Amino acid sequence: MLGAARVAAEEAVLDQAVIPVGHKAYTAFLARLDAAPEPNENLRRTMRSQPPWARD
């Protein structure tokens, strides 16, 4: 029981990592997240493929 609680606590701490960045870097990061991906063959193939949950 104690071991499981310790592992859960470690995972919770590791999930809350903070990476400090400046305003300019953060703004650029958000812009890249909001930008639509450039079309490429890998993206086209992914969009044409059947999702795993729809496969037999």
N, C-alpha and C. Protein backbone atom coordinates (compact mmCIF):
# COMPACT_ATOMS: atom_id res chain seq x y z
N MET A 1 0.82 -1.19 0.00
CA MET A 1 0.00 0.00 0.00
C MET A 1 0.86 1.25 0.00
N LEU A 2 1.87 1.26 0.83
CA LEU A 2 2.76 2.42 0.92
C LEU A 2 3.53 2.62 -0.38
N GLY A 3 3.96 1.51 -0.97
CA GLY A 3 4.69 1.60 -2.24
C GLY A 3 3.84 2.17 -3.35
N ALA A 4 2.58 1.75 -3.41
CA ALA A 4 1.67 2.26 -4.44
C ALA A 4 1.42 3.75 -4.25
N ALA A 5 1.30 4.19 -3.01
CA ALA A 5 1.09 5.61 -2.73
C ALA A 5 2.32 6.42 -3.13
N ARG A 6 3.51 5.87 -2.89
CA ARG A 6 4.74 6.56 -3.25
C ARG A 6 4.84 6.70 -4.77
N VAL A 7 4.54 5.63 -5.49
CA VAL A 7 4.60 5.67 -6.96
C VAL A 7 3.59 6.69 -7.50
N ALA A 8 2.38 6.69 -6.95
CA ALA A 8 1.36 7.65 -7.40
C ALA A 8 1.80 9.08 -7.13
N ALA A 9 2.42 9.31 -5.98
CA ALA A 9 2.90 10.66 -5.65
C ALA A 9 4.01 11.09 -6.61
N GLU A 10 4.94 10.19 -6.92
CA GLU A 10 6.02 10.51 -7.85
C GLU A 10 5.46 10.86 -9.22
N GLU A 11 4.49 10.08 -9.70
CA GLU A 11 3.90 10.34 -11.00
C GLU A 11 3.18 11.69 -11.02
N ALA A 12 2.51 12.03 -9.93
CA ALA A 12 1.81 13.31 -9.86
C ALA A 12 2.80 14.47 -9.92
N VAL A 13 3.92 14.33 -9.24
CA VAL A 13 4.94 15.39 -9.25
C VAL A 13 5.56 15.50 -10.63
N LEU A 14 5.87 14.39 -11.26
CA LEU A 14 6.48 14.42 -12.58
C LEU A 14 5.54 14.97 -13.64
N ASP A 15 4.24 14.78 -13.48
CA ASP A 15 3.26 15.30 -14.43
C ASP A 15 3.12 16.81 -14.34
N GLN A 16 3.63 17.43 -13.29
CA GLN A 16 3.46 18.86 -13.09
C GLN A 16 4.75 19.63 -13.34
N ALA A 17 5.55 19.17 -14.27
CA ALA A 17 6.80 19.86 -14.59
C ALA A 17 6.50 21.22 -15.21
N VAL A 18 7.22 22.21 -14.79
CA VAL A 18 7.08 23.57 -15.32
C VAL A 18 8.35 23.91 -16.07
N ILE A 19 8.18 24.38 -17.30
CA ILE A 19 9.32 24.77 -18.11
C ILE A 19 9.23 26.28 -18.31
N PRO A 20 10.06 27.03 -17.61
CA PRO A 20 9.98 28.50 -17.74
C PRO A 20 10.55 28.96 -19.09
N VAL A 21 9.80 29.81 -19.75
CA VAL A 21 10.25 30.40 -21.02
C VAL A 21 9.86 31.88 -21.03
N GLY A 22 10.50 32.62 -21.88
CA GLY A 22 10.18 34.03 -22.02
C GLY A 22 8.89 34.24 -22.79
N HIS A 23 8.40 35.46 -22.76
CA HIS A 23 7.15 35.80 -23.44
C HIS A 23 7.23 35.53 -24.95
N LYS A 24 8.34 35.89 -25.55
CA LYS A 24 8.50 35.71 -27.00
C LYS A 24 8.46 34.23 -27.38
N ALA A 25 9.16 33.38 -26.64
CA ALA A 25 9.17 31.95 -26.92
C ALA A 25 7.79 31.34 -26.70
N TYR A 26 7.10 31.78 -25.64
CA TYR A 26 5.77 31.25 -25.35
C TYR A 26 4.78 31.64 -26.44
N THR A 27 4.87 32.89 -26.90
CA THR A 27 3.99 33.35 -27.98
C THR A 27 4.24 32.56 -29.26
N ALA A 28 5.51 32.31 -29.57
CA ALA A 28 5.85 31.52 -30.76
C ALA A 28 5.34 30.09 -30.62
N PHE A 29 5.45 29.52 -29.42
CA PHE A 29 4.95 28.16 -29.16
C PHE A 29 3.44 28.09 -29.39
N LEU A 30 2.71 29.05 -28.85
CA LEU A 30 1.26 29.06 -29.03
C LEU A 30 0.88 29.22 -30.50
N ALA A 31 1.62 30.05 -31.22
CA ALA A 31 1.35 30.24 -32.64
C ALA A 31 1.52 28.95 -33.42
N ARG A 32 2.55 28.17 -33.06
CA ARG A 32 2.77 26.90 -33.74
C ARG A 32 1.68 25.89 -33.40
N LEU A 33 1.19 25.92 -32.17
CA LEU A 33 0.09 25.03 -31.79
C LEU A 33 -1.19 25.37 -32.55
N ASP A 34 -1.43 26.66 -32.74
CA ASP A 34 -2.65 27.11 -33.40
C ASP A 34 -2.60 27.00 -34.92
N ALA A 35 -1.41 26.93 -35.49
CA ALA A 35 -1.26 26.89 -36.95
C ALA A 35 -1.68 25.53 -37.50
N ALA A 36 -2.33 25.56 -38.62
CA ALA A 36 -2.70 24.31 -39.29
C ALA A 36 -1.43 23.63 -39.82
N PRO A 37 -1.38 22.31 -39.78
CA PRO A 37 -0.20 21.62 -40.28
C PRO A 37 -0.09 21.77 -41.80
N GLU A 38 1.14 21.83 -42.28
CA GLU A 38 1.36 21.88 -43.73
C GLU A 38 1.01 20.52 -44.31
N PRO A 39 0.23 20.48 -45.38
CA PRO A 39 -0.10 19.20 -46.00
C PRO A 39 1.16 18.48 -46.46
N ASN A 40 1.24 17.20 -46.20
CA ASN A 40 2.34 16.37 -46.67
C ASN A 40 1.83 14.94 -46.81
N GLU A 41 2.62 14.08 -47.38
CA GLU A 41 2.17 12.72 -47.67
C GLU A 41 1.84 11.95 -46.39
N ASN A 42 2.62 12.11 -45.34
CA ASN A 42 2.32 11.40 -44.09
C ASN A 42 0.97 11.83 -43.52
N LEU A 43 0.67 13.11 -43.56
CA LEU A 43 -0.60 13.60 -43.07
C LEU A 43 -1.75 13.08 -43.94
N ARG A 44 -1.58 13.10 -45.24
CA ARG A 44 -2.62 12.58 -46.14
C ARG A 44 -2.87 11.10 -45.88
N ARG A 45 -1.81 10.32 -45.70
CA ARG A 45 -1.95 8.88 -45.45
C ARG A 45 -2.67 8.65 -44.12
N THR A 46 -2.32 9.44 -43.12
CA THR A 46 -2.98 9.30 -41.81
C THR A 46 -4.46 9.62 -41.91
N MET A 47 -4.80 10.67 -42.64
CA MET A 47 -6.19 11.06 -42.75
C MET A 47 -7.01 10.06 -43.57
N ARG A 48 -6.38 9.33 -44.47
CA ARG A 48 -7.07 8.33 -45.27
C ARG A 48 -7.21 7.00 -44.54
N SER A 49 -6.37 6.75 -43.56
CA SER A 49 -6.38 5.44 -42.89
C SER A 49 -7.58 5.30 -41.96
N GLN A 50 -7.97 4.08 -41.77
CA GLN A 50 -9.08 3.77 -40.88
C GLN A 50 -8.58 3.78 -39.43
N PRO A 51 -9.32 4.38 -38.52
CA PRO A 51 -8.87 4.42 -37.13
C PRO A 51 -8.84 3.02 -36.53
N PRO A 52 -7.95 2.78 -35.56
CA PRO A 52 -7.81 1.44 -34.98
C PRO A 52 -9.11 0.90 -34.40
N TRP A 53 -9.95 1.77 -33.83
CA TRP A 53 -11.18 1.28 -33.22
C TRP A 53 -12.23 0.87 -34.25
N ALA A 54 -12.02 1.24 -35.52
CA ALA A 54 -12.97 0.86 -36.56
C ALA A 54 -12.50 -0.37 -37.33
N ARG A 55 -11.33 -0.86 -37.04
CA ARG A 55 -10.80 -2.04 -37.72
C ARG A 55 -11.35 -3.31 -37.09
N ASP A 56 -11.43 -4.35 -37.89
CA ASP A 56 -11.91 -5.66 -37.38
C ASP A 56 -10.86 -6.37 -36.61
